[in-house]
Amino acid sequence: MPRNIEIKARITSVEALLPRAQQLAGHGPTLIDQDDSFFTVPNGRLKLRQFADGSAELIHYHRADSAETKASDYVRVPVADPAALREALARACGLRGRVVKRRWLFLVGPTRVHVDRVQGLGDFMELEVVLGDGMSDEEGGAIAERLMAELGLADAERLSGAYLDLLAVR
């Protein structure tokens, strides 16, 4: 099962971080518009992610709600009919909420650097260090912390949960 080490942080603005992220990546970004529908499940989180081009995927993941570096394991499944699946899951599980965002994606070594503008919340950055075979959580955490420093975000406010959790308290 794929596994990441993650950090999510609030940033002052997407525009301020993009040049630093691009310098570290050496290329990019890839611009991605996402519409995530979260469903009520007893274990982990389940979301249907729809993209602007009409494609979609169902993602289930487990991740601790911690502001520190945290491990996340996940399963992604391509979805042929996202509207029908969204309706079926909403009826069966209940819809917890929706998160709409624009994401600027950079790749820095084994790390996906997401610079996000989240509708109704503001601007954020998320690191996902993809753990390769034999790579420990500690090694992934060290990579994430180093990247936070290189991005100038060592002291940035870190988030413990998902964007959905922040929307729920507004």
N, C-alpha and C. Protein backbone atom coordinates (compact mmCIF):
# COMPACT_ATOMS: atom_id res chain seq x y z
N MET A 1 0.85 -1.18 0.00
CA MET A 1 0.00 0.00 0.00
C MET A 1 0.89 1.24 0.00
N PRO A 2 0.62 2.19 -0.89
CA PRO A 2 1.42 3.42 -0.92
C PRO A 2 1.38 4.15 0.43
N ARG A 3 2.48 4.83 0.71
CA ARG A 3 2.61 5.52 2.00
C ARG A 3 3.39 6.81 1.80
N ASN A 4 2.92 7.88 2.47
CA ASN A 4 3.57 9.19 2.43
C ASN A 4 3.89 9.63 3.84
N ILE A 5 4.81 10.58 3.93
CA ILE A 5 4.98 11.39 5.13
C ILE A 5 4.54 12.79 4.75
N GLU A 6 3.65 13.39 5.56
CA GLU A 6 3.02 14.65 5.17
C GLU A 6 3.19 15.75 6.20
N ILE A 7 3.20 16.98 5.68
CA ILE A 7 3.11 18.19 6.48
C ILE A 7 2.19 19.13 5.72
N LYS A 8 1.28 19.76 6.44
CA LYS A 8 0.40 20.76 5.84
C LYS A 8 0.56 22.04 6.65
N ALA A 9 0.70 23.19 5.95
CA ALA A 9 0.92 24.46 6.64
C ALA A 9 0.16 25.59 5.95
N ARG A 10 -0.21 26.57 6.74
CA ARG A 10 -0.82 27.79 6.22
C ARG A 10 0.30 28.66 5.66
N ILE A 11 0.05 29.32 4.53
CA ILE A 11 1.04 30.23 3.94
C ILE A 11 0.41 31.60 3.74
N THR A 12 1.25 32.61 3.59
CA THR A 12 0.72 33.97 3.41
C THR A 12 0.04 34.12 2.06
N SER A 13 0.64 33.54 1.01
CA SER A 13 0.01 33.59 -0.31
C SER A 13 0.65 32.59 -1.25
N VAL A 14 -0.16 32.08 -2.16
CA VAL A 14 0.34 31.20 -3.21
C VAL A 14 1.43 31.92 -4.00
N GLU A 15 1.15 33.17 -4.38
CA GLU A 15 2.08 33.92 -5.23
C GLU A 15 3.46 34.08 -4.59
N ALA A 16 3.51 34.22 -3.26
CA ALA A 16 4.79 34.38 -2.57
C ALA A 16 5.59 33.08 -2.57
N LEU A 17 4.92 31.92 -2.53
CA LEU A 17 5.63 30.65 -2.42
C LEU A 17 5.99 30.04 -3.77
N LEU A 18 5.26 30.37 -4.82
CA LEU A 18 5.50 29.74 -6.12
C LEU A 18 6.94 29.86 -6.61
N PRO A 19 7.58 31.03 -6.54
CA PRO A 19 8.97 31.11 -7.04
C PRO A 19 9.93 30.21 -6.28
N ARG A 20 9.77 30.12 -4.96
CA ARG A 20 10.66 29.24 -4.17
C ARG A 20 10.44 27.78 -4.51
N ALA A 21 9.17 27.39 -4.65
CA ALA A 21 8.87 25.99 -4.99
C ALA A 21 9.40 25.65 -6.38
N GLN A 22 9.24 26.57 -7.32
CA GLN A 22 9.72 26.33 -8.68
C GLN A 22 11.25 26.23 -8.71
N GLN A 23 11.91 27.05 -7.92
CA GLN A 23 13.37 27.00 -7.87
C GLN A 23 13.85 25.64 -7.34
N LEU A 24 13.19 25.12 -6.30
CA LEU A 24 13.57 23.82 -5.75
C LEU A 24 13.28 22.68 -6.72
N ALA A 25 12.14 22.77 -7.42
CA ALA A 25 11.74 21.70 -8.33
C ALA A 25 12.52 21.75 -9.64
N GLY A 26 12.88 22.96 -10.07
CA GLY A 26 13.58 23.10 -11.34
C GLY A 26 12.65 23.09 -12.54
N HIS A 27 11.37 22.88 -12.32
CA HIS A 27 10.37 22.87 -13.40
C HIS A 27 8.98 22.95 -12.78
N GLY A 28 8.01 23.00 -13.67
CA GLY A 28 6.63 23.04 -13.18
C GLY A 28 6.19 24.47 -12.96
N PRO A 29 5.05 24.63 -12.42
CA PRO A 29 4.18 23.63 -11.81
C PRO A 29 3.17 23.04 -12.79
N THR A 30 2.51 21.98 -12.33
CA THR A 30 1.32 21.46 -12.99
C THR A 30 0.14 22.06 -12.23
N LEU A 31 -0.78 22.68 -12.94
CA LEU A 31 -1.95 23.30 -12.32
C LEU A 31 -3.11 22.30 -12.34
N ILE A 32 -3.72 22.08 -11.17
CA ILE A 32 -4.78 21.09 -11.03
C ILE A 32 -5.95 21.70 -10.26
N ASP A 33 -7.13 21.68 -10.87
CA ASP A 33 -8.35 22.09 -10.17
C ASP A 33 -9.02 20.83 -9.64
N GLN A 34 -9.35 20.83 -8.33
CA GLN A 34 -9.90 19.65 -7.67
C GLN A 34 -11.17 20.00 -6.92
N ASP A 35 -12.11 19.06 -6.95
CA ASP A 35 -13.35 19.16 -6.19
C ASP A 35 -13.48 17.86 -5.41
N ASP A 36 -13.25 17.91 -4.11
CA ASP A 36 -13.26 16.72 -3.26
C ASP A 36 -14.54 16.65 -2.44
N SER A 37 -15.25 15.53 -2.56
CA SER A 37 -16.43 15.25 -1.74
C SER A 37 -16.03 14.21 -0.71
N PHE A 38 -16.20 14.54 0.58
CA PHE A 38 -15.85 13.63 1.67
C PHE A 38 -17.10 12.94 2.19
N PHE A 39 -16.97 11.66 2.52
CA PHE A 39 -18.09 10.86 2.98
C PHE A 39 -17.83 10.36 4.40
N THR A 40 -18.90 10.12 5.12
CA THR A 40 -18.82 9.64 6.49
C THR A 40 -18.48 8.15 6.47
N VAL A 41 -17.35 7.80 7.07
CA VAL A 41 -16.93 6.40 7.16
C VAL A 41 -16.38 6.15 8.57
N PRO A 42 -16.45 4.89 9.03
CA PRO A 42 -16.01 4.60 10.40
C PRO A 42 -14.49 4.60 10.59
N ASN A 43 -13.74 4.42 9.52
CA ASN A 43 -12.28 4.35 9.61
C ASN A 43 -11.63 5.22 8.55
N GLY A 44 -10.72 6.08 8.97
CA GLY A 44 -10.00 6.92 8.02
C GLY A 44 -10.90 7.95 7.36
N ARG A 45 -10.48 8.36 6.17
CA ARG A 45 -11.25 9.34 5.38
C ARG A 45 -11.48 8.77 3.99
N LEU A 46 -12.65 9.09 3.43
CA LEU A 46 -12.99 8.64 2.09
C LEU A 46 -13.44 9.86 1.30
N LYS A 47 -12.78 10.08 0.14
CA LYS A 47 -13.16 11.22 -0.68
C LYS A 47 -13.20 10.82 -2.15
N LEU A 48 -14.10 11.46 -2.84
CA LEU A 48 -14.19 11.36 -4.29
C LEU A 48 -13.58 12.63 -4.83
N ARG A 49 -12.49 12.50 -5.57
CA ARG A 49 -11.80 13.67 -6.14
C ARG A 49 -12.14 13.77 -7.62
N GLN A 50 -12.73 14.91 -7.99
CA GLN A 50 -13.07 15.17 -9.38
C GLN A 50 -12.16 16.26 -9.91
N PHE A 51 -11.68 16.06 -11.14
CA PHE A 51 -10.77 16.99 -11.79
C PHE A 51 -11.51 17.76 -12.88
N ALA A 52 -10.95 18.89 -13.27
CA ALA A 52 -11.58 19.77 -14.26
C ALA A 52 -11.78 19.08 -15.60
N ASP A 53 -10.92 18.11 -15.92
CA ASP A 53 -11.05 17.42 -17.21
C ASP A 53 -12.11 16.33 -17.22
N GLY A 54 -12.84 16.16 -16.09
CA GLY A 54 -13.90 15.16 -16.01
C GLY A 54 -13.47 13.84 -15.40
N SER A 55 -12.17 13.63 -15.25
CA SER A 55 -11.70 12.40 -14.62
C SER A 55 -11.90 12.49 -13.11
N ALA A 56 -11.81 11.32 -12.46
CA ALA A 56 -12.04 11.29 -11.01
C ALA A 56 -11.38 10.05 -10.42
N GLU A 57 -11.19 10.10 -9.09
CA GLU A 57 -10.69 8.94 -8.36
C GLU A 57 -11.28 8.93 -6.97
N LEU A 58 -11.48 7.73 -6.46
CA LEU A 58 -11.93 7.53 -5.09
C LEU A 58 -10.69 7.26 -4.27
N ILE A 59 -10.52 7.97 -3.14
CA ILE A 59 -9.32 7.84 -2.32
C ILE A 59 -9.74 7.56 -0.89
N HIS A 60 -9.22 6.48 -0.33
CA HIS A 60 -9.40 6.21 1.10
C HIS A 60 -8.02 6.32 1.73
N TYR A 61 -7.94 7.01 2.89
CA TYR A 61 -6.64 7.12 3.55
C TYR A 61 -6.79 7.16 5.05
N HIS A 62 -5.70 6.74 5.70
CA HIS A 62 -5.55 6.85 7.15
C HIS A 62 -4.41 7.82 7.41
N ARG A 63 -4.63 8.79 8.28
CA ARG A 63 -3.59 9.75 8.65
C ARG A 63 -3.94 10.31 10.01
N ALA A 64 -2.97 10.38 10.87
CA ALA A 64 -3.19 10.96 12.20
C ALA A 64 -3.49 12.45 12.07
N ASP A 65 -4.32 12.96 12.96
CA ASP A 65 -4.58 14.39 13.02
C ASP A 65 -3.55 15.02 13.95
N SER A 66 -2.39 15.31 13.38
CA SER A 66 -1.26 15.87 14.13
C SER A 66 -0.67 17.01 13.31
N ALA A 67 -0.20 18.04 13.99
CA ALA A 67 0.44 19.15 13.28
C ALA A 67 1.88 18.82 12.88
N GLU A 68 2.41 17.75 13.42
CA GLU A 68 3.79 17.35 13.09
C GLU A 68 3.81 16.53 11.80
N THR A 69 4.99 16.09 11.40
CA THR A 69 5.05 15.18 10.26
C THR A 69 4.24 13.94 10.62
N LYS A 70 3.52 13.41 9.65
CA LYS A 70 2.65 12.27 9.93
C LYS A 70 2.61 11.33 8.73
N ALA A 71 2.45 10.06 9.02
CA ALA A 71 2.36 9.06 7.96
C ALA A 71 0.93 8.98 7.46
N SER A 72 0.80 8.69 6.18
CA SER A 72 -0.50 8.50 5.55
C SER A 72 -0.40 7.31 4.60
N ASP A 73 -1.28 6.33 4.79
CA ASP A 73 -1.36 5.26 3.79
C ASP A 73 -2.69 5.40 3.06
N TYR A 74 -2.70 5.03 1.79
CA TYR A 74 -3.87 5.35 0.98
C TYR A 74 -4.08 4.35 -0.13
N VAL A 75 -5.31 4.33 -0.63
CA VAL A 75 -5.70 3.55 -1.80
C VAL A 75 -6.43 4.50 -2.74
N ARG A 76 -6.02 4.50 -4.01
CA ARG A 76 -6.66 5.34 -5.03
C ARG A 76 -7.25 4.43 -6.10
N VAL A 77 -8.50 4.72 -6.48
CA VAL A 77 -9.21 3.92 -7.48
C VAL A 77 -9.77 4.84 -8.55
N PRO A 78 -9.42 4.63 -9.82
CA PRO A 78 -10.01 5.45 -10.88
C PRO A 78 -11.53 5.25 -10.93
N VAL A 79 -12.25 6.33 -11.26
CA VAL A 79 -13.72 6.30 -11.28
C VAL A 79 -14.21 6.71 -12.66
N ALA A 80 -15.05 5.87 -13.27
CA ALA A 80 -15.56 6.15 -14.61
C ALA A 80 -16.78 7.08 -14.59
N ASP A 81 -17.62 6.98 -13.56
CA ASP A 81 -18.84 7.78 -13.50
C ASP A 81 -18.91 8.48 -12.14
N PRO A 82 -18.18 9.60 -11.97
CA PRO A 82 -18.10 10.24 -10.65
C PRO A 82 -19.44 10.77 -10.14
N ALA A 83 -20.30 11.26 -11.01
CA ALA A 83 -21.58 11.80 -10.54
C ALA A 83 -22.43 10.70 -9.91
N ALA A 84 -22.49 9.55 -10.56
CA ALA A 84 -23.28 8.43 -10.03
C ALA A 84 -22.66 7.90 -8.73
N LEU A 85 -21.33 7.80 -8.70
CA LEU A 85 -20.68 7.30 -7.49
C LEU A 85 -20.88 8.28 -6.33
N ARG A 86 -20.78 9.56 -6.60
CA ARG A 86 -20.99 10.57 -5.55
C ARG A 86 -22.40 10.43 -4.97
N GLU A 87 -23.38 10.28 -5.83
CA GLU A 87 -24.77 10.11 -5.37
C GLU A 87 -24.92 8.85 -4.54
N ALA A 88 -24.36 7.74 -5.01
CA ALA A 88 -24.47 6.47 -4.28
C ALA A 88 -23.79 6.55 -2.92
N LEU A 89 -22.59 7.12 -2.87
CA LEU A 89 -21.88 7.23 -1.59
C LEU A 89 -22.57 8.20 -0.64
N ALA A 90 -23.10 9.29 -1.16
CA ALA A 90 -23.82 10.24 -0.32
C ALA A 90 -25.05 9.58 0.29
N ARG A 91 -25.76 8.78 -0.50
CA ARG A 91 -26.95 8.09 0.01
C ARG A 91 -26.58 7.02 1.03
N ALA A 92 -25.51 6.28 0.76
CA ALA A 92 -25.14 5.14 1.61
C ALA A 92 -24.38 5.56 2.87
N CYS A 93 -23.49 6.53 2.74
CA CYS A 93 -22.58 6.88 3.84
C CYS A 93 -22.89 8.24 4.47
N GLY A 94 -23.44 9.14 3.69
CA GLY A 94 -23.63 10.52 4.12
C GLY A 94 -22.47 11.37 3.64
N LEU A 95 -22.79 12.54 3.13
CA LEU A 95 -21.78 13.48 2.66
C LEU A 95 -21.34 14.35 3.83
N ARG A 96 -20.05 14.31 4.17
CA ARG A 96 -19.51 15.13 5.27
C ARG A 96 -19.26 16.56 4.83
N GLY A 97 -18.86 16.73 3.58
CA GLY A 97 -18.55 18.07 3.10
C GLY A 97 -17.78 18.02 1.80
N ARG A 98 -17.46 19.22 1.35
CA ARG A 98 -16.81 19.36 0.06
C ARG A 98 -15.68 20.38 0.16
N VAL A 99 -14.58 20.11 -0.52
CA VAL A 99 -13.43 21.01 -0.56
C VAL A 99 -13.08 21.25 -2.03
N VAL A 100 -13.10 22.52 -2.43
CA VAL A 100 -12.76 22.89 -3.80
C VAL A 100 -11.46 23.69 -3.74
N LYS A 101 -10.50 23.28 -4.57
CA LYS A 101 -9.21 23.97 -4.52
C LYS A 101 -8.54 23.99 -5.88
N ARG A 102 -7.63 24.95 -6.01
CA ARG A 102 -6.69 25.00 -7.13
C ARG A 102 -5.34 24.64 -6.55
N ARG A 103 -4.66 23.69 -7.20
CA ARG A 103 -3.39 23.18 -6.69
C ARG A 103 -2.31 23.38 -7.74
N TRP A 104 -1.18 23.94 -7.27
CA TRP A 104 0.02 24.03 -8.08
C TRP A 104 0.93 22.91 -7.58
N LEU A 105 1.21 21.92 -8.42
CA LEU A 105 1.98 20.74 -8.04
C LEU A 105 3.40 20.84 -8.57
N PHE A 106 4.36 20.67 -7.64
CA PHE A 106 5.78 20.60 -7.97
C PHE A 106 6.31 19.26 -7.48
N LEU A 107 7.30 18.71 -8.17
CA LEU A 107 7.97 17.49 -7.73
C LEU A 107 9.40 17.83 -7.39
N VAL A 108 9.78 17.52 -6.14
CA VAL A 108 11.14 17.76 -5.66
C VAL A 108 11.64 16.42 -5.12
N GLY A 109 12.44 15.70 -5.92
CA GLY A 109 12.87 14.37 -5.51
C GLY A 109 11.66 13.48 -5.29
N PRO A 110 11.60 12.81 -4.11
CA PRO A 110 10.45 11.93 -3.85
C PRO A 110 9.24 12.66 -3.27
N THR A 111 9.26 13.98 -3.32
CA THR A 111 8.24 14.77 -2.63
C THR A 111 7.34 15.52 -3.60
N ARG A 112 6.03 15.40 -3.36
CA ARG A 112 5.05 16.21 -4.06
C ARG A 112 4.83 17.45 -3.20
N VAL A 113 5.09 18.62 -3.78
CA VAL A 113 4.86 19.89 -3.10
C VAL A 113 3.59 20.47 -3.67
N HIS A 114 2.55 20.56 -2.83
CA HIS A 114 1.27 21.12 -3.25
C HIS A 114 1.17 22.54 -2.70
N VAL A 115 0.94 23.49 -3.57
CA VAL A 115 0.65 24.86 -3.16
C VAL A 115 -0.82 25.06 -3.50
N ASP A 116 -1.65 25.22 -2.47
CA ASP A 116 -3.10 25.15 -2.63
C ASP A 116 -3.80 26.47 -2.31
N ARG A 117 -4.77 26.80 -3.12
CA ARG A 117 -5.71 27.89 -2.82
C ARG A 117 -7.06 27.20 -2.62
N VAL A 118 -7.52 27.20 -1.38
CA VAL A 118 -8.73 26.46 -1.00
C VAL A 118 -9.90 27.43 -0.88
N GLN A 119 -10.95 27.14 -1.62
CA GLN A 119 -12.14 28.00 -1.61
C GLN A 119 -12.70 28.11 -0.20
N GLY A 120 -12.86 29.35 0.27
CA GLY A 120 -13.42 29.60 1.59
C GLY A 120 -12.42 29.52 2.73
N LEU A 121 -11.16 29.15 2.45
CA LEU A 121 -10.15 29.01 3.51
C LEU A 121 -8.90 29.84 3.31
N GLY A 122 -8.42 29.94 2.09
CA GLY A 122 -7.18 30.67 1.84
C GLY A 122 -6.10 29.80 1.23
N ASP A 123 -4.85 30.15 1.53
CA ASP A 123 -3.69 29.54 0.88
C ASP A 123 -2.90 28.66 1.84
N PHE A 124 -2.45 27.52 1.30
CA PHE A 124 -1.77 26.50 2.10
C PHE A 124 -0.70 25.82 1.27
N MET A 125 0.15 25.08 1.95
CA MET A 125 1.16 24.26 1.31
C MET A 125 1.13 22.90 1.98
N GLU A 126 1.24 21.85 1.16
CA GLU A 126 1.28 20.50 1.70
C GLU A 126 2.44 19.75 1.05
N LEU A 127 3.21 19.07 1.88
CA LEU A 127 4.28 18.20 1.39
C LEU A 127 3.84 16.76 1.54
N GLU A 128 4.10 15.96 0.53
CA GLU A 128 3.89 14.52 0.59
C GLU A 128 5.17 13.85 0.13
N VAL A 129 5.93 13.33 1.08
CA VAL A 129 7.15 12.60 0.76
C VAL A 129 6.73 11.15 0.49
N VAL A 130 6.84 10.71 -0.75
CA VAL A 130 6.45 9.35 -1.11
C VAL A 130 7.55 8.40 -0.65
N LEU A 131 7.19 7.51 0.25
CA LEU A 131 8.18 6.58 0.80
C LEU A 131 8.43 5.44 -0.18
N GLY A 132 9.68 5.30 -0.60
CA GLY A 132 10.06 4.21 -1.48
C GLY A 132 10.31 2.95 -0.68
N ASP A 133 10.57 1.86 -1.38
CA ASP A 133 10.85 0.59 -0.72
C ASP A 133 12.02 0.73 0.24
N GLY A 134 11.82 0.31 1.47
CA GLY A 134 12.87 0.34 2.47
C GLY A 134 13.09 1.69 3.11
N MET A 135 12.33 2.69 2.73
CA MET A 135 12.49 4.03 3.29
C MET A 135 11.65 4.13 4.56
N SER A 136 12.25 4.61 5.63
CA SER A 136 11.54 4.69 6.92
C SER A 136 10.75 6.00 7.04
N ASP A 137 9.81 5.99 7.99
CA ASP A 137 9.06 7.21 8.29
C ASP A 137 10.01 8.32 8.74
N GLU A 138 11.05 7.96 9.47
CA GLU A 138 12.01 8.94 9.97
C GLU A 138 12.77 9.59 8.82
N GLU A 139 13.17 8.79 7.83
CA GLU A 139 13.85 9.35 6.66
C GLU A 139 12.93 10.30 5.90
N GLY A 140 11.68 9.88 5.72
CA GLY A 140 10.70 10.74 5.06
C GLY A 140 10.47 12.03 5.83
N GLY A 141 10.39 11.92 7.16
CA GLY A 141 10.21 13.09 8.00
C GLY A 141 11.36 14.06 7.88
N ALA A 142 12.59 13.54 7.81
CA ALA A 142 13.77 14.40 7.67
C ALA A 142 13.74 15.14 6.33
N ILE A 143 13.31 14.46 5.27
CA ILE A 143 13.19 15.11 3.96
C ILE A 143 12.16 16.23 4.03
N ALA A 144 11.02 15.94 4.66
CA ALA A 144 9.95 16.94 4.76
C ALA A 144 10.41 18.16 5.56
N GLU A 145 11.06 17.93 6.66
CA GLU A 145 11.53 19.06 7.49
C GLU A 145 12.57 19.89 6.75
N ARG A 146 13.46 19.24 6.01
CA ARG A 146 14.47 19.96 5.24
C ARG A 146 13.79 20.83 4.17
N LEU A 147 12.79 20.26 3.49
CA LEU A 147 12.08 21.03 2.48
C LEU A 147 11.32 22.21 3.08
N MET A 148 10.74 22.02 4.25
CA MET A 148 10.06 23.13 4.92
C MET A 148 11.04 24.29 5.12
N ALA A 149 12.25 23.98 5.56
CA ALA A 149 13.27 25.01 5.77
C ALA A 149 13.66 25.65 4.44
N GLU A 150 13.88 24.84 3.40
CA GLU A 150 14.28 25.37 2.10
C GLU A 150 13.19 26.24 1.47
N LEU A 151 11.94 25.96 1.80
CA LEU A 151 10.82 26.78 1.30
C LEU A 151 10.60 28.03 2.15
N GLY A 152 11.37 28.16 3.23
CA GLY A 152 11.21 29.31 4.13
C GLY A 152 10.00 29.16 5.04
N LEU A 153 9.59 27.92 5.29
CA LEU A 153 8.38 27.66 6.06
C LEU A 153 8.63 26.90 7.36
N ALA A 154 9.86 26.91 7.84
CA ALA A 154 10.18 26.15 9.07
C ALA A 154 9.30 26.60 10.23
N ASP A 155 8.94 27.88 10.27
CA ASP A 155 8.12 28.39 11.38
C ASP A 155 6.66 28.62 11.01
N ALA A 156 6.24 28.11 9.86
CA ALA A 156 4.86 28.32 9.42
C ALA A 156 3.89 27.56 10.32
N GLU A 157 2.68 28.09 10.43
CA GLU A 157 1.63 27.43 11.21
C GLU A 157 1.25 26.12 10.53
N ARG A 158 1.43 25.01 11.25
CA ARG A 158 1.11 23.70 10.70
C ARG A 158 -0.30 23.29 11.09
N LEU A 159 -0.92 22.52 10.20
CA LEU A 159 -2.30 22.09 10.41
C LEU A 159 -2.33 20.62 10.80
N SER A 160 -3.28 20.29 11.65
CA SER A 160 -3.35 18.91 12.13
C SER A 160 -4.31 18.04 11.33
N GLY A 161 -5.35 18.60 10.76
CA GLY A 161 -6.35 17.79 10.07
C GLY A 161 -6.39 18.06 8.59
N ALA A 162 -7.56 17.81 8.02
CA ALA A 162 -7.79 18.04 6.60
C ALA A 162 -8.42 19.41 6.40
N TYR A 163 -8.40 19.90 5.17
CA TYR A 163 -9.07 21.16 4.87
C TYR A 163 -10.54 21.10 5.27
N LEU A 164 -11.14 19.95 5.12
CA LEU A 164 -12.55 19.78 5.49
C LEU A 164 -12.78 20.12 6.96
N ASP A 165 -11.84 19.74 7.82
CA ASP A 165 -11.97 20.03 9.25
C ASP A 165 -11.98 21.54 9.50
N LEU A 166 -11.15 22.26 8.76
CA LEU A 166 -11.11 23.73 8.91
C LEU A 166 -12.40 24.36 8.42
N LEU A 167 -12.97 23.85 7.35
CA LEU A 167 -14.23 24.38 6.85
C LEU A 167 -15.37 24.14 7.84
N ALA A 168 -15.30 23.03 8.55
CA ALA A 168 -16.37 22.66 9.49
C ALA A 168 -16.42 23.60 10.69
N VAL A 169 -15.29 24.23 11.05
CA VAL A 169 -15.27 25.11 12.23
C VAL A 169 -15.51 26.57 11.86
N ARG A 170 -15.71 26.86 10.61
CA ARG A 170 -15.96 28.24 10.17
C ARG A 170 -17.38 28.62 10.41
